[in-house]
Structure formats: structure tokens, C-alpha cells
Amino acid sequence: MKRLSILLLFAGTMLWSYGALAAPRAVAVVNFTNHTGGKGLQYLTNSLPESISAGLAQAQGIRIVERGQIGAIISEIALSQTGLFDEQMVTGAGTLVKADVLILGSYSGNPENIVLTIKAVDIATGRVLDGRVVKAPLADLFDMANQAALSMAAVISGEALGILSVSTTPDGADVYVDGLLAGKAPLVDYKLAAGAHRLKAVKSGYLDAETELTIAKDARENWTPYLGESRVRNRSEIGLGVSYLKPFYKELDGAPLFTLFVGHTYNRLNISGEMGYAVIDHNQVIDTPFGDITQERWYRYFSLTAHAAVIPFEISSYVTPYGGAFIGYTSLTDFRTNKSRDNDREKLASQSLMHMGLKLGATIAPFAKIGIFLEGRYYYYPVKATREVFESQGLLGGLKSHDTEYSFNHITFGGGVKYFF
């Protein structure tokens, strides 16, 4: 009988201990502090805690202290929102509201950009367990504040935690975990719920780095992204290019097109000006009574073009694609071989045409001083070009000519080098 009593006492003690350990932590969300300097957003001091309380009530391992029970005490709690808490003051406040953890907050800014700081403070020690900083317009503030509070739930309850450390090259990048600002790199021993998380590192003037990381319970994970310098978003350039110009009109041969350009990129938009030069053969075979003769002819092609291109996204630090449109002026001067003229050539005619079109390309090694680009273009000419065509007049006659119209539309494929400065 005595042994049975001891066993029952031991079992009861174990069950009580387990229940105590498994009991959810009581959390009280007190009114937030308004640092905006005005009364227009004063209502957030109460509405934000109410919203966060409702959200945290859905989290496991947490019991929310009804805010109606702490209303009379809230006005008497004078806690610093700077992160330096008086242990005796916090402990006393927690005892008054019968909570294990206090959620404190403050906010500043304006309706277009509010900065909200949320902290969870352990009543027993006065230590900050976890914290979040939310930057959002008023329209998105409540959703993001609830997300931030829920992301702290695992730390508050003490269940299924992992530890994350982030070190970026260069230092000082803003680190976001699941869309919420966690701090600046290097971020050391950041506690978060075990499971999958989206990480992002952002630093002005550099490429963003993103990844997905799964952290196991009690595990430590490190993320060390390299942020490529994003001068691609604000820089000037000068370059040389060569491409193969292929006209659609069958009487014109393909030719190399040489270009010289200068431009500037600002916030993913590139504006540039370009000069182009080519020599396009269009020899004519003339049927005469004495057989076919070939008249050597060529166009001297000169163009001035304005370009606008957009860098939609940066694949990596090795390749940057772009796409855009252009419009400009083309001069075509028609020559033929004539041994009786100076320099053995005769100018037949010249004409000016407007051109426009689209282009797609990619820059290789965009963050080096010198990069390589590959590009394809389509040129469209709203007005048709004119070509003088010669034909024989028979045994006694010479050559006569007439004009014919054709479309000078063409495509180009090529590349070149750019120097960035």
C-alpha cells in the first residue's frame, strides 16, 4: 500500500510537471507608442495591438491575455521603447497583467511610410526575446505587423527554433526573412521557427540576393551571399559593334555593319545614340546582245539612331539581358564602277529614309570595366527606297534606266564591346 502511494505520488508529480512544461506562455500586448509627432495616427496605439493580439491567438504555444483585463494597467506602465528595459519594472508590469511575455511597440513616420518596431520581452528576466522592424504604408501596415508578430511566435513560445546567421559581401546589407526586415548583415544567431524560409539581402548600389532555406529544430544555418555591384543601374558607356546586316530585298547583298555608340543607364533604362556605317553591294547583271555584263554597284550606308532599352531583370553577375526600341535616320548613296570617272566610281543618287525597330540583346560581364554584348535587331522603313535599274537598248543603243521601289527592311545580328564609366 505504501509502495502504491509512492508510485501514485511520483506519477502525479510527473504529470503536473509535464502539464506545467506544456502550458502555453501567457502573452500580453500593451499599447504602442506614437513617435510620429502628430495625432493623426494616434489610433494605431490601440488598434495595432488589438490586431496583433487577434493574430497571435492563432499561434500554438501562446495564450493571449485579454486586453480588456489589462486596460486599467496599461496607462500606468511606463516602459522604455529603446530596448533598454528596467528588469524590476518589466517584472512588476508582467505580474500585474499575469503574463510571461510582454509585446511592446512603437512607430514613426507618415501614412505613406510607417516604421513599426515590435519587441517581445521576457517577464522573468526583462530580456528582449525577439524583435521585428516593419516598414510599410498605412494600407499594408496591419497585414505586415501581424506577419511580423506571427514570425516571433516560435521564439516567444520556445518551440521548434533554429538559428540563422547571415554574412554578406559587402557588409551592411538589409536582411529580410519571409519579407520582413530582420536587421543588417552581419546578422548573428537570429532565432526563427524551424521550417522553410525566404531570405533576401538588399544593399543600395548592389544586386539583390535571394534564396530559400530550410532550418531544422535546434540547427544552425549560415547564409553568405555575394552581392554583385549593380553599377548597371546607373552608369555611362561607350562602345563599338559589328553585325551582319541582311536586307529582305533579294537584289541587295548582306554586309557588315559597324557601329559607334555612347549611352547612359539610369534605373534599368538605357538611353543611347549611335552612328552606323556599311557598304552594301547590289551588283546588277545586264542582258545585252553581246552577253551578260555585270555592273558593279554598291550603297554607302550611314545612319544616326536613338535607342531606348530596358533591363527587365539581372540573371546573374555574368549576364544582363535587355530589350528596347529605336528610331533614326538612314542615308543611302548609290555608286557604280565607272573607269572614266575619278576614283573609278560614279555617284548615281542618294536618298534619306527614316527607320525604326526593335532589339534584343545581352551584356556579358556587365560589372567589369569592359563588357561584351550580343544583339539582334529588326529595322523597319515606313517609306520605300528607290533603286535605279539599267537595261540594254539593243545593238545600236546604250543603256537606259528606270527607277524601281523596294522595301529596305532588314535584320542585323552581331555584338561588340562596351567600356563602362
Protein backbone atom coordinates (compact mmCIF):
# COMPACT_ATOMS: atom_id res chain seq x y z
CA MET A 1 0.00 0.00 0.00
CA LYS A 2 2.83 2.36 0.89
CA ARG A 3 4.65 1.47 -2.35
CA LEU A 4 1.46 2.15 -4.35
CA SER A 5 1.08 5.54 -2.68
CA ILE A 6 4.66 6.46 -3.59
CA LEU A 7 4.10 5.41 -7.20
CA LEU A 8 0.90 7.43 -7.43
CA LEU A 9 2.63 10.45 -5.91
CA PHE A 10 5.52 10.12 -8.39
CA ALA A 11 3.15 9.78 -11.33
CA GLY A 12 1.15 12.76 -10.21
CA THR A 13 4.29 14.82 -9.84
CA MET A 14 5.42 13.88 -13.38
CA LEU A 15 2.01 14.67 -14.86
CA TRP A 16 1.96 18.03 -13.08
CA SER A 17 5.48 18.79 -14.32
CA TYR A 18 4.56 17.85 -17.89
CA GLY A 19 1.46 19.97 -17.72
CA ALA A 20 3.45 22.88 -16.39
CA LEU A 21 6.04 22.49 -19.13
CA ALA A 22 3.40 22.10 -21.82
CA ALA A 23 1.31 25.05 -20.62
CA PRO A 24 1.20 27.84 -23.22
CA ARG A 25 3.01 31.06 -22.37
CA ALA A 26 0.77 33.97 -21.43
CA VAL A 27 1.42 36.97 -23.70
CA ALA A 28 0.13 40.49 -23.14
CA VAL A 29 0.22 43.06 -25.94
CA VAL A 30 0.31 46.55 -24.44
CA ASN A 31 -0.43 49.82 -26.20
CA PHE A 32 2.20 51.00 -28.67
CA THR A 33 4.00 54.35 -28.52
CA ASN A 34 3.35 57.02 -31.15
CA HIS A 35 6.55 58.75 -32.32
CA THR A 36 5.04 60.34 -35.44
CA GLY A 37 4.83 63.75 -33.79
CA GLY A 38 1.12 64.14 -34.60
CA LYS A 39 -2.29 62.90 -33.54
CA GLY A 40 -3.44 61.74 -36.96
CA LEU A 41 -2.08 58.24 -36.34
CA GLN A 42 -2.74 58.15 -32.61
CA TYR A 43 -5.42 55.49 -33.07
CA LEU A 44 -2.72 53.00 -34.02
CA THR A 45 -1.52 52.90 -30.40
CA ASN A 46 -4.53 50.74 -29.61
CA SER A 47 -5.67 49.28 -32.96
CA LEU A 48 -2.30 47.73 -33.82
CA PRO A 49 -2.03 45.81 -30.51
CA GLU A 50 -5.65 44.66 -30.91
CA SER A 51 -4.92 43.32 -34.38
CA ILE A 52 -1.68 41.64 -33.29
CA SER A 53 -3.41 40.05 -30.29
CA ALA A 54 -6.03 38.53 -32.57
CA GLY A 55 -3.33 37.18 -34.88
CA LEU A 56 -1.17 35.72 -32.13
CA ALA A 57 -4.19 33.98 -30.63
CA GLN A 58 -3.97 31.54 -33.56
CA ALA A 59 -0.36 30.55 -32.78
CA GLN A 60 0.47 27.35 -30.92
CA GLY A 61 2.10 27.52 -27.51
CA ILE A 62 0.77 31.01 -26.78
CA ARG A 63 -2.16 32.23 -24.68
CA ILE A 64 -3.14 35.86 -25.19
CA VAL A 65 -4.08 37.86 -22.12
CA GLU A 66 -7.38 39.57 -22.91
CA ARG A 67 -6.62 43.26 -23.41
CA GLY A 68 -9.77 44.19 -21.54
CA GLN A 69 -8.14 42.74 -18.41
CA ILE A 70 -5.09 44.99 -18.70
CA GLY A 71 -6.78 48.23 -19.81
CA ALA A 72 -6.61 49.81 -16.36
CA ILE A 73 -2.93 48.91 -16.04
CA ILE A 74 -1.74 49.96 -19.48
CA SER A 75 -1.82 53.68 -18.71
CA GLU A 76 0.37 53.14 -15.64
CA ILE A 77 3.09 51.19 -17.45
CA ALA A 78 5.97 53.46 -18.43
CA LEU A 79 8.37 51.23 -20.32
CA SER A 80 11.20 52.50 -22.50
CA GLN A 81 10.84 51.54 -26.17
CA THR A 82 14.57 51.80 -26.86
CA GLY A 83 15.45 48.19 -25.98
CA LEU A 84 16.95 49.02 -22.57
CA PHE A 85 14.35 47.75 -20.13
CA ASP A 86 14.37 48.01 -16.37
CA GLU A 87 14.09 44.40 -15.16
CA GLN A 88 12.18 45.25 -11.99
CA MET A 89 9.72 47.48 -13.89
CA VAL A 90 9.02 44.83 -16.56
CA THR A 91 8.68 42.09 -13.96
CA GLY A 92 6.27 44.22 -11.96
CA ALA A 93 4.18 45.02 -15.02
CA GLY A 94 4.10 41.37 -16.02
CA THR A 95 2.98 40.38 -12.58
CA LEU A 96 0.16 42.93 -12.71
CA VAL A 97 -1.17 41.58 -16.01
CA LYS A 98 -0.31 37.94 -15.11
CA ALA A 99 1.75 37.42 -18.25
CA ASP A 100 5.00 35.63 -19.13
CA VAL A 101 5.83 37.87 -22.09
CA LEU A 102 5.03 41.47 -22.91
CA ILE A 103 4.73 42.63 -26.55
CA LEU A 104 5.82 46.26 -26.81
CA GLY A 105 5.91 48.50 -29.86
CA SER A 106 6.49 51.97 -31.24
CA TYR A 107 6.00 53.59 -34.62
CA SER A 108 7.12 56.66 -36.51
CA GLY A 109 6.88 58.19 -39.99
CA ASN A 110 3.84 59.18 -42.05
CA PRO A 111 0.91 57.35 -43.68
CA GLU A 112 2.98 56.69 -46.82
CA ASN A 113 5.91 55.19 -44.89
CA ILE A 114 5.46 53.96 -41.33
CA VAL A 115 8.30 52.31 -39.42
CA LEU A 116 6.99 49.97 -36.73
CA THR A 117 9.21 48.31 -34.11
CA ILE A 118 7.84 45.30 -32.21
CA LYS A 119 9.64 43.63 -29.27
CA ALA A 120 8.86 40.63 -27.11
CA VAL A 121 10.19 40.97 -23.55
CA ASP A 122 10.53 38.08 -21.10
CA ILE A 123 8.86 38.99 -17.81
CA ALA A 124 11.15 36.90 -15.64
CA THR A 125 14.40 38.40 -16.90
CA GLY A 126 13.45 41.67 -18.61
CA ARG A 127 15.38 40.42 -21.66
CA VAL A 128 14.25 41.09 -25.22
CA LEU A 129 13.43 37.68 -26.66
CA ASP A 130 12.86 38.80 -30.22
CA GLY A 131 12.10 41.85 -32.29
CA ARG A 132 10.94 42.91 -35.74
CA VAL A 133 11.04 46.12 -37.77
CA VAL A 134 8.25 46.68 -40.28
CA LYS A 135 8.37 49.38 -42.96
CA ALA A 136 5.10 49.80 -44.84
CA PRO A 137 2.46 52.29 -45.97
CA LEU A 138 -0.59 52.55 -43.76
CA ALA A 139 -2.65 50.43 -46.18
CA ASP A 140 -0.33 47.44 -45.68
CA LEU A 141 0.72 48.07 -42.09
CA PHE A 142 -1.76 45.81 -40.29
CA ASP A 143 -1.08 42.79 -42.51
CA MET A 144 2.69 43.17 -42.23
CA ALA A 145 2.52 43.81 -38.48
CA ASN A 146 0.56 40.59 -37.99
CA GLN A 147 3.06 38.69 -40.14
CA ALA A 148 5.90 40.10 -38.06
CA ALA A 149 4.24 39.14 -34.78
CA LEU A 150 3.47 35.61 -36.02
CA SER A 151 7.09 35.19 -37.09
CA MET A 152 8.05 35.87 -33.46
CA ALA A 153 5.60 33.29 -32.09
CA ALA A 154 8.07 30.38 -32.20
CA VAL A 155 10.65 32.34 -30.20
CA ILE A 156 8.04 33.51 -27.71
CA SER A 157 6.67 30.00 -27.15
CA GLY A 158 10.14 28.44 -27.20
CA GLU A 159 9.03 25.68 -29.57
CA ALA A 160 10.91 24.33 -32.63
CA LEU A 161 13.55 27.01 -33.03
CA GLY A 162 16.51 27.23 -35.38
CA ILE A 163 19.34 29.75 -35.51
CA LEU A 164 20.34 31.69 -38.63
CA SER A 165 23.46 33.76 -39.24
CA VAL A 166 23.86 35.91 -42.35
CA SER A 167 27.07 37.46 -43.62
CA THR A 168 27.08 39.40 -46.88
CA THR A 169 29.82 40.69 -49.14
CA PRO A 170 29.89 43.65 -48.78
CA ASP A 171 28.65 44.10 -45.21
CA GLY A 172 25.72 46.26 -44.26
CA ALA A 173 23.00 44.74 -46.43
CA ASP A 174 19.43 44.73 -45.13
CA VAL A 175 18.41 41.11 -44.45
CA TYR A 176 14.78 40.13 -44.94
CA VAL A 177 13.30 36.89 -43.62
CA ASP A 178 9.95 35.94 -45.15
CA GLY A 179 9.52 39.50 -46.43
CA LEU A 180 10.20 41.16 -43.07
CA LEU A 181 13.31 43.14 -42.16
CA ALA A 182 15.40 41.13 -39.69
CA GLY A 183 18.36 43.51 -39.46
CA LYS A 184 21.62 44.39 -41.17
CA ALA A 185 24.37 41.97 -42.07
CA PRO A 186 26.25 40.54 -40.35
CA LEU A 187 23.19 39.04 -38.66
CA VAL A 188 24.33 36.72 -35.86
CA ASP A 189 22.31 34.00 -34.09
CA TYR A 190 18.92 35.13 -35.33
CA LYS A 191 16.24 32.86 -33.88
CA LEU A 192 13.34 31.78 -36.05
CA ALA A 193 10.84 28.96 -36.33
CA ALA A 194 12.10 25.69 -37.76
CA GLY A 195 10.98 25.13 -41.34
CA ALA A 196 11.33 26.76 -44.76
CA HIS A 197 12.06 30.49 -45.03
CA ARG A 198 12.63 33.01 -47.81
CA LEU A 199 15.79 35.07 -47.36
CA LYS A 200 16.74 38.25 -49.18
CA ALA A 201 19.71 40.61 -48.87
CA VAL A 202 19.41 44.17 -50.22
CA LYS A 203 22.03 46.91 -50.40
CA SER A 204 21.82 50.12 -52.38
CA GLY A 205 24.06 50.00 -55.44
CA TYR A 206 24.30 46.20 -55.44
CA LEU A 207 22.38 43.27 -56.82
CA ASP A 208 19.77 41.72 -54.54
CA ALA A 209 20.46 38.17 -53.36
CA GLU A 210 17.61 35.74 -52.66
CA THR A 211 17.33 32.13 -51.56
CA GLU A 212 15.08 29.65 -49.80
CA LEU A 213 16.48 27.92 -46.74
CA THR A 214 15.07 25.15 -44.55
CA ILE A 215 16.16 25.18 -40.91
CA ALA A 216 15.69 22.15 -38.69
CA LYS A 217 14.86 22.35 -34.99
CA ASP A 218 17.92 23.29 -32.87
CA ALA A 219 20.01 23.55 -36.06
CA ARG A 220 22.35 26.38 -37.07
CA GLU A 221 22.42 27.63 -40.65
CA ASN A 222 24.67 30.19 -42.33
CA TRP A 223 23.97 32.19 -45.48
CA THR A 224 26.84 34.10 -47.07
CA PRO A 225 25.63 35.72 -50.30
CA TYR A 226 27.85 37.79 -52.58
CA LEU A 227 26.14 40.96 -53.79
CA GLY A 228 27.42 41.93 -57.23
CA GLU A 229 27.97 45.63 -57.71
CA SER A 230 24.93 46.96 -59.55
CA ARG A 231 26.52 49.82 -61.44
CA VAL A 232 24.39 48.53 -64.32
CA ARG A 233 21.62 50.67 -62.83
CA ASN A 234 23.49 53.96 -63.07
CA ARG A 235 26.46 54.24 -65.39
CA SER A 236 27.64 55.56 -68.76
CA GLU A 237 29.05 53.56 -71.62
CA ILE A 238 30.83 53.90 -74.95
CA GLY A 239 31.30 51.05 -77.36
CA LEU A 240 31.98 49.60 -80.77
CA GLY A 241 29.92 46.99 -82.53
CA VAL A 242 29.90 44.94 -85.70
CA SER A 243 26.95 42.98 -87.00
CA TYR A 244 25.77 41.26 -90.14
CA LEU A 245 23.14 43.31 -91.99
CA LYS A 246 20.80 41.13 -94.05
CA PRO A 247 18.28 43.00 -96.29
CA PHE A 248 14.99 41.32 -97.17
CA TYR A 249 15.19 42.66 -100.76
CA LYS A 250 16.85 39.91 -102.78
CA GLU A 251 18.86 42.29 -105.00
CA LEU A 252 20.86 43.51 -102.02
CA ASP A 253 23.72 41.51 -100.53
CA GLY A 254 24.37 41.14 -96.82
CA ALA A 255 27.15 43.28 -95.38
CA PRO A 256 28.98 44.04 -92.13
CA LEU A 257 27.53 46.99 -90.24
CA PHE A 258 29.95 48.92 -88.00
CA THR A 259 28.58 51.00 -85.14
CA LEU A 260 29.89 53.50 -82.62
CA PHE A 261 27.66 54.44 -79.70
CA VAL A 262 27.54 56.25 -76.37
CA GLY A 263 24.83 55.94 -73.71
CA HIS A 264 23.79 56.06 -70.10
CA THR A 265 21.77 53.70 -67.91
CA TYR A 266 19.64 55.02 -65.09
CA ASN A 267 17.44 52.76 -63.00
CA ARG A 268 17.35 49.99 -65.63
CA LEU A 269 16.59 52.35 -68.54
CA ASN A 270 19.36 52.80 -71.11
CA ILE A 271 19.35 55.77 -73.49
CA SER A 272 21.98 55.83 -76.23
CA GLY A 273 22.92 57.42 -79.54
CA GLU A 274 24.64 55.54 -82.34
CA MET A 275 26.33 56.04 -85.70
CA GLY A 276 26.40 53.21 -88.23
CA TYR A 277 28.32 52.60 -91.44
CA ALA A 278 28.17 49.85 -94.06
CA VAL A 279 28.86 49.18 -97.71
CA ILE A 280 26.07 47.12 -99.28
CA ASP A 281 26.69 45.57 -102.69
CA HIS A 282 23.84 45.35 -105.16
CA ASN A 283 25.56 44.50 -108.43
CA GLN A 284 23.30 44.35 -111.47
CA VAL A 285 23.59 41.80 -114.28
CA ILE A 286 22.53 43.39 -117.61
CA ASP A 287 21.44 41.23 -120.55
CA THR A 288 22.96 42.59 -123.81
CA PRO A 289 23.23 41.18 -127.35
CA PHE A 290 26.86 40.51 -126.61
CA GLY A 291 26.18 38.56 -123.45
CA ASP A 292 25.62 39.38 -119.81
CA ILE A 293 27.64 42.13 -118.24
CA THR A 294 27.88 42.81 -114.54
CA GLN A 295 27.65 46.37 -113.37
CA GLU A 296 29.39 46.76 -110.02
CA ARG A 297 27.21 48.80 -107.72
CA TRP A 298 27.04 49.48 -104.01
CA TYR A 299 25.28 51.59 -101.43
CA ARG A 300 27.22 53.62 -98.91
CA TYR A 301 25.03 53.28 -95.84
CA PHE A 302 25.22 55.81 -92.99
CA SER A 303 22.81 56.01 -90.04
CA LEU A 304 22.13 58.02 -86.92
CA THR A 305 19.94 56.22 -84.37
CA ALA A 306 18.49 56.95 -80.92
CA HIS A 307 17.90 53.89 -78.69
CA ALA A 308 15.87 53.26 -75.55
CA ALA A 309 16.31 49.89 -73.85
CA VAL A 310 15.10 48.36 -70.61
CA ILE A 311 16.97 45.91 -68.38
CA PRO A 312 14.00 43.85 -67.11
CA PHE A 313 15.98 41.71 -64.67
CA GLU A 314 19.51 40.66 -63.86
CA ILE A 315 20.02 36.92 -64.34
CA SER A 316 23.40 36.89 -62.62
CA SER A 317 26.60 38.86 -62.31
CA TYR A 318 27.65 37.30 -65.63
CA VAL A 319 24.76 38.09 -67.98
CA THR A 320 22.33 41.01 -68.17
CA PRO A 321 19.58 40.80 -70.85
CA TYR A 322 17.90 43.85 -72.31
CA GLY A 323 15.28 44.78 -74.88
CA GLY A 324 14.27 48.03 -76.50
CA ALA A 325 13.26 50.15 -79.45
CA PHE A 326 15.00 52.64 -81.70
CA ILE A 327 14.31 55.31 -84.28
CA GLY A 328 16.62 57.17 -86.61
CA TYR A 329 17.77 58.39 -90.00
CA THR A 330 19.46 56.43 -92.80
CA SER A 331 21.37 57.87 -95.73
CA LEU A 332 21.82 55.63 -98.81
CA THR A 333 24.19 56.80 -101.53
CA ASP A 334 24.25 54.68 -104.71
CA PHE A 335 27.54 54.22 -106.56
CA ARG A 336 28.66 52.24 -109.59
CA THR A 337 32.03 51.50 -111.12
CA ASN A 338 32.93 53.85 -113.99
CA LYS A 339 36.51 53.80 -115.28
CA SER A 340 36.07 57.20 -116.89
CA ARG A 341 35.47 58.95 -113.57
CA ASP A 342 37.79 59.97 -110.80
CA ASN A 343 38.44 57.12 -108.40
CA ASP A 344 36.73 54.83 -110.95
CA ARG A 345 33.33 55.39 -109.40
CA GLU A 346 30.22 57.33 -110.27
CA LYS A 347 27.63 58.59 -107.82
CA LEU A 348 24.18 57.82 -109.13
CA ALA A 349 21.80 59.02 -106.43
CA SER A 350 21.32 59.50 -102.72
CA GLN A 351 18.24 59.29 -100.54
CA SER A 352 17.32 59.73 -96.89
CA LEU A 353 14.99 57.36 -95.07
CA MET A 354 13.55 57.18 -91.58
CA HIS A 355 13.93 53.85 -89.81
CA MET A 356 12.58 52.37 -86.58
CA GLY A 357 12.66 48.97 -84.96
CA LEU A 358 13.12 46.63 -82.03
CA LYS A 359 16.14 44.95 -80.49
CA LEU A 360 17.01 42.21 -78.02
CA GLY A 361 20.41 41.57 -76.51
CA ALA A 362 22.51 40.62 -73.54
CA THR A 363 25.61 42.05 -71.93
CA ILE A 364 28.25 39.57 -70.77
CA ALA A 365 30.41 40.57 -67.76
CA PRO A 366 28.24 43.65 -67.10
CA PHE A 367 30.05 44.57 -63.87
CA ALA A 368 33.54 44.66 -65.30
CA LYS A 369 35.05 47.81 -66.81
CA ILE A 370 34.76 46.24 -70.26
CA GLY A 371 31.80 44.08 -71.23
CA ILE A 372 30.78 42.16 -74.32
CA PHE A 373 27.32 42.40 -75.84
CA LEU A 374 25.36 40.23 -78.28
CA GLU A 375 22.37 41.75 -80.05
CA GLY A 376 19.74 41.19 -82.73
CA ARG A 377 17.65 43.91 -84.38
CA TYR A 378 14.78 44.35 -86.82
CA TYR A 379 14.75 47.55 -88.93
CA TYR A 380 11.54 48.85 -90.47
CA TYR A 381 11.38 51.65 -93.06
CA PRO A 382 7.95 53.30 -93.45
CA VAL A 383 8.91 54.74 -96.85
CA LYS A 384 10.22 52.57 -99.65
CA ALA A 385 13.68 53.09 -101.12
CA THR A 386 14.30 53.83 -104.82
CA ARG A 387 16.82 51.95 -106.97
CA GLU A 388 17.88 52.90 -110.49
CA VAL A 389 17.82 49.85 -112.75
CA PHE A 390 19.69 49.73 -116.08
CA GLU A 391 18.85 47.73 -119.19
CA SER A 392 20.26 47.36 -122.72
CA GLN A 393 18.69 49.11 -125.74
CA GLY A 394 19.97 46.56 -128.21
CA LEU A 395 22.79 46.51 -130.79
CA LEU A 396 22.86 50.20 -131.57
CA GLY A 397 21.75 51.68 -128.32
CA GLY A 398 23.43 52.15 -124.96
CA LEU A 399 21.89 51.65 -121.58
CA LYS A 400 18.68 53.15 -120.41
CA SER A 401 17.38 53.22 -116.83
CA HIS A 402 14.24 53.47 -114.80
CA ASP A 403 13.52 53.69 -111.10
CA THR A 404 12.00 50.89 -109.05
CA GLU A 405 10.82 50.99 -105.46
CA TYR A 406 11.55 48.35 -102.85
CA SER A 407 11.41 47.85 -99.10
CA PHE A 408 14.76 48.34 -97.39
CA ASN A 409 13.67 46.48 -94.23
CA HIS A 410 16.46 44.34 -92.81
CA ILE A 411 17.72 42.49 -89.75
CA THR A 412 21.09 42.52 -88.03
CA PHE A 413 22.87 40.04 -85.78
CA GLY A 414 26.11 40.84 -84.04
CA GLY A 415 27.87 42.13 -81.00
CA GLY A 416 30.73 44.21 -79.75
CA VAL A 417 32.43 45.67 -76.70
CA LYS A 418 31.39 48.31 -74.19
CA TYR A 419 33.51 50.39 -71.87
CA PHE A 420 31.67 51.43 -68.70
CA PHE A 421 32.43 54.58 -66.75
